C-alpha atoms as a PDB file:
ATOM      1  CA  MET A   1      68.407-175.821 125.083  1.00  0.00           C
ATOM      2  CA  SER A   2      68.627-179.594 125.612  1.00  0.00           C
ATOM      3  CA  ILE A   3      71.451-181.712 124.368  1.00  0.00           C
ATOM      4  CA  LYS A   4      71.763-185.333 124.467  1.00  0.00           C
ATOM      5  CA  ILE A   5      74.553-187.152 123.150  1.00  0.00           C
ATOM      6  CA  VAL A   6      73.896-190.287 121.136  1.00  0.00           C
ATOM      7  CA  ALA A   7      77.452-191.262 119.942  1.00  0.00           C
ATOM      8  CA  THR A   8      81.141-190.712 120.195  1.00  0.00           C
ATOM      9  CA  ASN A   9      84.130-191.358 118.400  1.00  0.00           C
ATOM     10  CA  ARG A  10      86.384-192.634 121.434  1.00  0.00           C
ATOM     11  CA  LYS A  11      89.376-193.243 118.934  1.00  0.00           C
ATOM     12  CA  ALA A  12      89.333-189.713 117.816  1.00  0.00           C
ATOM     13  CA  LYS A  13      91.359-188.034 120.843  1.00  0.00           C
ATOM     14  CA  PHE A  14      93.621-191.025 120.796  1.00  0.00           C
ATOM     15  CA  GLU A  15      94.553-191.176 116.959  1.00  0.00           C
ATOM     16  CA  TYR A  16      94.707-187.149 116.297  1.00  0.00           C
ATOM     17  CA  PHE A  17      95.074-183.854 117.619  1.00  0.00           C
ATOM     18  CA  LEU A  18      91.487-182.108 117.418  1.00  0.00           C
ATOM     19  CA  LEU A  19      92.427-178.704 116.390  1.00  0.00           C
ATOM     20  CA  GLU A  20      89.020-176.889 115.492  1.00  0.00           C
ATOM     21  CA  HIS A  21      85.822-178.016 116.092  1.00  0.00           C
ATOM     22  CA  TYR A  22      82.511-177.417 114.051  1.00  0.00           C
ATOM     23  CA  GLU A  23      78.718-178.303 114.373  1.00  0.00           C
ATOM     24  CA  ALA A  24      77.178-179.787 111.612  1.00  0.00           C
ATOM     25  CA  GLY A  25      73.462-180.902 110.870  1.00  0.00           C
ATOM     26  CA  ILE A  26      72.699-184.031 108.712  1.00  0.00           C
ATOM     27  CA  ALA A  27      70.434-184.347 105.960  1.00  0.00           C
ATOM     28  CA  LEU A  28      68.506-187.488 107.074  1.00  0.00           C
ATOM     29  CA  LYS A  29      65.322-189.550 106.193  1.00  0.00           C
ATOM     30  CA  GLY A  30      62.602-189.966 108.708  1.00  0.00           C
ATOM     31  CA  SER A  31      63.614-193.624 109.675  1.00  0.00           C
ATOM     32  CA  GLU A  32      67.145-192.492 110.282  1.00  0.00           C
ATOM     33  CA  ILE A  33      66.409-189.719 112.834  1.00  0.00           C
ATOM     34  CA  LYS A  34      64.157-192.385 114.570  1.00  0.00           C
ATOM     35  CA  SER A  35      66.948-194.648 114.742  1.00  0.00           C
ATOM     36  CA  ILE A  36      69.228-192.133 116.063  1.00  0.00           C
ATOM     37  CA  ARG A  37      66.849-190.871 118.727  1.00  0.00           C
ATOM     38  CA  ALA A  38      66.921-194.690 119.706  1.00  0.00           C
ATOM     39  CA  GLY A  39      70.683-194.611 119.777  1.00  0.00           C
ATOM     40  CA  HIS A  40      71.402-196.822 116.997  1.00  0.00           C
ATOM     41  CA  ILE A  41      74.228-195.183 115.399  1.00  0.00           C
ATOM     42  CA  SER A  42      77.774-195.914 114.995  1.00  0.00           C
ATOM     43  CA  ILE A  43      80.495-193.401 113.901  1.00  0.00           C
ATOM     44  CA  ALA A  44      83.848-195.396 114.652  1.00  0.00           C
ATOM     45  CA  GLU A  45      84.727-195.986 111.068  1.00  0.00           C
ATOM     46  CA  ALA A  46      83.203-192.865 109.701  1.00  0.00           C
ATOM     47  CA  TYR A  47      85.039-189.872 107.977  1.00  0.00           C
ATOM     48  CA  VAL A  48      83.970-186.557 106.435  1.00  0.00           C
ATOM     49  CA  GLN A  49      84.427-186.268 102.730  1.00  0.00           C
ATOM     50  CA  LEU A  50      84.559-182.626 100.751  1.00  0.00           C
ATOM     51  CA  ASN A  51      83.593-182.379  97.114  1.00  0.00           C
ATOM     52  CA  GLY A  52      83.177-178.894  95.964  1.00  0.00           C
ATOM     53  CA  SER A  53      80.878-176.916  97.855  1.00  0.00           C
ATOM     54  CA  ASN A  54      79.502-180.094  99.836  1.00  0.00           C
ATOM     55  CA  ALA A  55      80.524-182.193 102.711  1.00  0.00           C
ATOM     56  CA  TRP A  56      79.416-185.866 103.297  1.00  0.00           C
ATOM     57  CA  LEU A  57      79.416-188.157 106.008  1.00  0.00           C
ATOM     58  CA  VAL A  58      80.816-191.597 104.821  1.00  0.00           C
ATOM     59  CA  ASN A  59      80.736-194.975 106.320  1.00  0.00           C
ATOM     60  CA  ALA A  60      78.520-193.875 109.336  1.00  0.00           C
ATOM     61  CA  ASN A  61      76.333-196.840 110.383  1.00  0.00           C
ATOM     62  CA  ILE A  62      72.871-195.822 111.332  1.00  0.00           C
ATOM     63  CA  SER A  63      71.050-199.072 111.824  1.00  0.00           C
ATOM     64  CA  PRO A  64      67.501-199.632 110.119  1.00  0.00           C
ATOM     65  CA  TYR A  65      64.445-198.718 112.223  1.00  0.00           C
ATOM     66  CA  ASP A  66      62.360-201.889 112.648  1.00  0.00           C
ATOM     67  CA  PRO A  67      58.841-200.305 112.625  1.00  0.00           C
ATOM     68  CA  ALA A  68      59.861-198.428 109.172  1.00  0.00           C
ATOM     69  CA  SER A  69      59.876-201.839 107.245  1.00  0.00           C
ATOM     70  CA  ARG A  70      59.964-201.613 103.734  1.00  0.00           C
ATOM     71  CA  GLU A  71      60.521-197.495 103.885  1.00  0.00           C
ATOM     72  CA  ASN A  72      63.648-198.270 105.662  1.00  0.00           C
ATOM     73  CA  HIS A  73      67.077-196.631 104.601  1.00  0.00           C
ATOM     74  CA  ASP A  74      70.345-198.003 103.681  1.00  0.00           C
ATOM     75  CA  PRO A  75      72.281-198.205 107.120  1.00  0.00           C
ATOM     76  CA  ILE A  76      75.819-197.039 105.329  1.00  0.00           C
ATOM     77  CA  ARG A  77      74.693-194.465 102.647  1.00  0.00           C
ATOM     78  CA  ASN A  78      76.617-191.278 102.364  1.00  0.00           C
ATOM     79  CA  ARG A  79      74.753-188.346 104.319  1.00  0.00           C
ATOM     80  CA  GLN A  80      75.062-184.686 103.391  1.00  0.00           C
ATOM     81  CA  LEU A  81      76.530-182.466 106.150  1.00  0.00           C
ATOM     82  CA  LEU A  82      74.820-178.887 106.601  1.00  0.00           C
ATOM     83  CA  LEU A  83      77.567-176.416 106.891  1.00  0.00           C
ATOM     84  CA  ASN A  84      77.736-172.919 105.504  1.00  0.00           C
ATOM     85  CA  ARG A  85      80.075-171.735 102.702  1.00  0.00           C
ATOM     86  CA  ARG A  86      82.498-170.337 104.971  1.00  0.00           C
ATOM     87  CA  GLU A  87      82.991-173.442 107.256  1.00  0.00           C
ATOM     88  CA  ILE A  88      83.323-175.424 104.156  1.00  0.00           C
ATOM     89  CA  LYS A  89      85.938-173.225 102.650  1.00  0.00           C
ATOM     90  CA  GLU A  90      87.950-173.413 106.012  1.00  0.00           C
ATOM     91  CA  LEU A  91      87.831-177.141 106.187  1.00  0.00           C
ATOM     92  CA  SER A  92      89.149-177.630 102.316  1.00  0.00           C
ATOM     93  CA  GLU A  93      91.798-175.170 103.091  1.00  0.00           C
ATOM     94  CA  GLY A  94      93.182-176.995 106.198  1.00  0.00           C
ATOM     95  CA  ILE A  95      92.959-180.163 104.239  1.00  0.00           C
ATOM     96  CA  GLN A  96      94.733-179.003 101.277  1.00  0.00           C
ATOM     97  CA  LYS A  97      97.147-176.484 102.769  1.00  0.00           C
ATOM     98  CA  LYS A  98      97.982-177.822 106.055  1.00  0.00           C
ATOM     99  CA  GLY A  99      97.614-181.720 105.162  1.00  0.00           C
ATOM    100  CA  LEU A 100      94.797-182.323 108.127  1.00  0.00           C
ATOM    101  CA  THR A 101      91.867-184.357 107.744  1.00  0.00           C
ATOM    102  CA  VAL A 102      88.125-184.123 109.156  1.00  0.00           C
ATOM    103  CA  ILE A 103      86.761-186.455 111.332  1.00  0.00           C
ATOM    104  CA  PRO A 104      83.435-186.924 113.167  1.00  0.00           C
ATOM    105  CA  VAL A 105      83.658-186.888 116.916  1.00  0.00           C
ATOM    106  CA  GLN A 106      80.158-186.833 118.247  1.00  0.00           C
ATOM    107  CA  VAL A 107      76.687-187.256 117.199  1.00  0.00           C
ATOM    108  CA  TYR A 108      74.240-185.469 119.525  1.00  0.00           C
ATOM    109  CA  LEU A 109      70.247-184.280 119.504  1.00  0.00           C
ATOM    110  CA  LYS A 110      69.863-180.485 120.320  1.00  0.00           C
ATOM    111  CA  ASP A 111      66.472-179.414 120.541  1.00  0.00           C
ATOM    112  CA  GLY A 112      65.299-182.478 118.661  1.00  0.00           C
ATOM    113  CA  LEU A 113      67.587-181.986 115.557  1.00  0.00           C
ATOM    114  CA  ALA A 114      70.504-184.542 114.821  1.00  0.00           C
ATOM    115  CA  LYS A 115      73.818-182.545 114.811  1.00  0.00           C
ATOM    116  CA  LEU A 116      77.263-183.626 114.308  1.00  0.00           C
ATOM    117  CA  ASN A 117      80.392-182.467 115.829  1.00  0.00           C
ATOM    118  CA  ILE A 118      83.405-182.439 113.467  1.00  0.00           C
ATOM    119  CA  ALA A 119      86.882-181.498 113.895  1.00  0.00           C
ATOM    120  CA  LEU A 120      89.842-180.613 111.811  1.00  0.00           C
ATOM    121  CA  ALA A 121      92.646-183.007 112.929  1.00  0.00           C
ATOM    122  CA  LYS A 122      96.002-183.822 112.664  1.00  0.00           C
ATOM    123  CA  GLY A 123      97.278-187.406 112.758  1.00  0.00           C
ATOM    124  CA  LYS A 124      99.402-188.506 115.779  1.00  0.00           C
ATOM    125  CA  LYS A 125     102.669-190.211 115.690  1.00  0.00           C
ATOM    126  CA  LEU A 126     103.215-193.440 117.477  1.00  0.00           C
ATOM    127  CA  TYR A 127     105.095-191.551 120.101  1.00  0.00           C
ATOM    128  CA  ASP A 128     102.728-189.037 120.803  1.00  0.00           C
ATOM    129  CA  LYS A 129     100.265-192.058 121.362  1.00  0.00           C
ATOM    130  CA  ARG A 130     102.651-193.306 123.735  1.00  0.00           C
ATOM    131  CA  ASN A 131     102.517-189.943 125.718  1.00  0.00           C
ATOM    132  CA  SER A 132      98.912-189.968 125.875  1.00  0.00           C
ATOM    133  CA  ILE A 133      98.808-193.408 127.264  1.00  0.00           C
ATOM    134  CA  ALA A 134     101.729-192.237 129.838  1.00  0.00           C
ATOM    135  CA  GLU A 135      99.383-189.346 130.886  1.00  0.00           C
ATOM    136  CA  ARG A 136      96.178-191.400 131.298  1.00  0.00           C
ATOM    137  CA  GLU A 137      97.953-193.726 133.621  1.00  0.00           C
ATOM    138  CA  ILE A 138      99.472-190.967 135.810  1.00  0.00           C
ATOM    139  CA  GLN A 139      95.995-189.532 136.074  1.00  0.00           C
ATOM    140  CA  ARG A 140      94.681-192.832 137.145  1.00  0.00           C
ATOM    141  CA  GLU A 141      97.273-193.223 139.682  1.00  0.00           C
ATOM    142  CA  ILE A 142      96.510-189.881 141.095  1.00  0.00           C
ATOM    143  CA  LYS A 143      92.821-190.883 141.601  1.00  0.00           C
ATOM    144  CA  ARG A 144      93.634-194.146 143.083  1.00  0.00           C
ATOM    145  CA  SER A 145      96.051-192.525 145.410  1.00  0.00           C
ATOM    146  CA  GLY A 146      93.665-189.968 146.346  1.00  0.00           C
ATOM    147  CA  LYS A 147      90.737-192.360 147.203  1.00  0.00           C
ATOM    148  CA  ARG A 148      92.739-194.452 149.504  1.00  0.00           C
ATOM    149  CA  GLU A 149      93.260-191.818 151.875  1.00  0.00           C
ATOM    150  CA  PRO A 150      90.489-190.752 153.966  1.00  0.00           C
END
């Protein structure tokens, strides 16, 4: 089983507490998967929307695949996520009862198929973000001091 990470949402861990992770397939067109394999995808502004028994990836930017020319896709169209009913039910309960949100964390290729790692997340407050920054700075200082000593 080979996994190649194509895109990550770097702000996800900074802006949210990631509670539960799910692996979802993405319903794509031919030119979209070729563009993803080339690494031309951005999920920085994307989010997941649930309606009824379907989950949709909204606002993800998959750049047009140049060799496809006139058969190309719309770069910012909504794409259906392939999850089973139990997972969709868990996500919708988390959104309605607990006030959480669903965000895309990572896009990767698993055995040639595009997969999306989504997370049920809770937004961080300003003081939580300050704590994250302080912890990151402490870790950097520890690494720096460890490198200086032979």
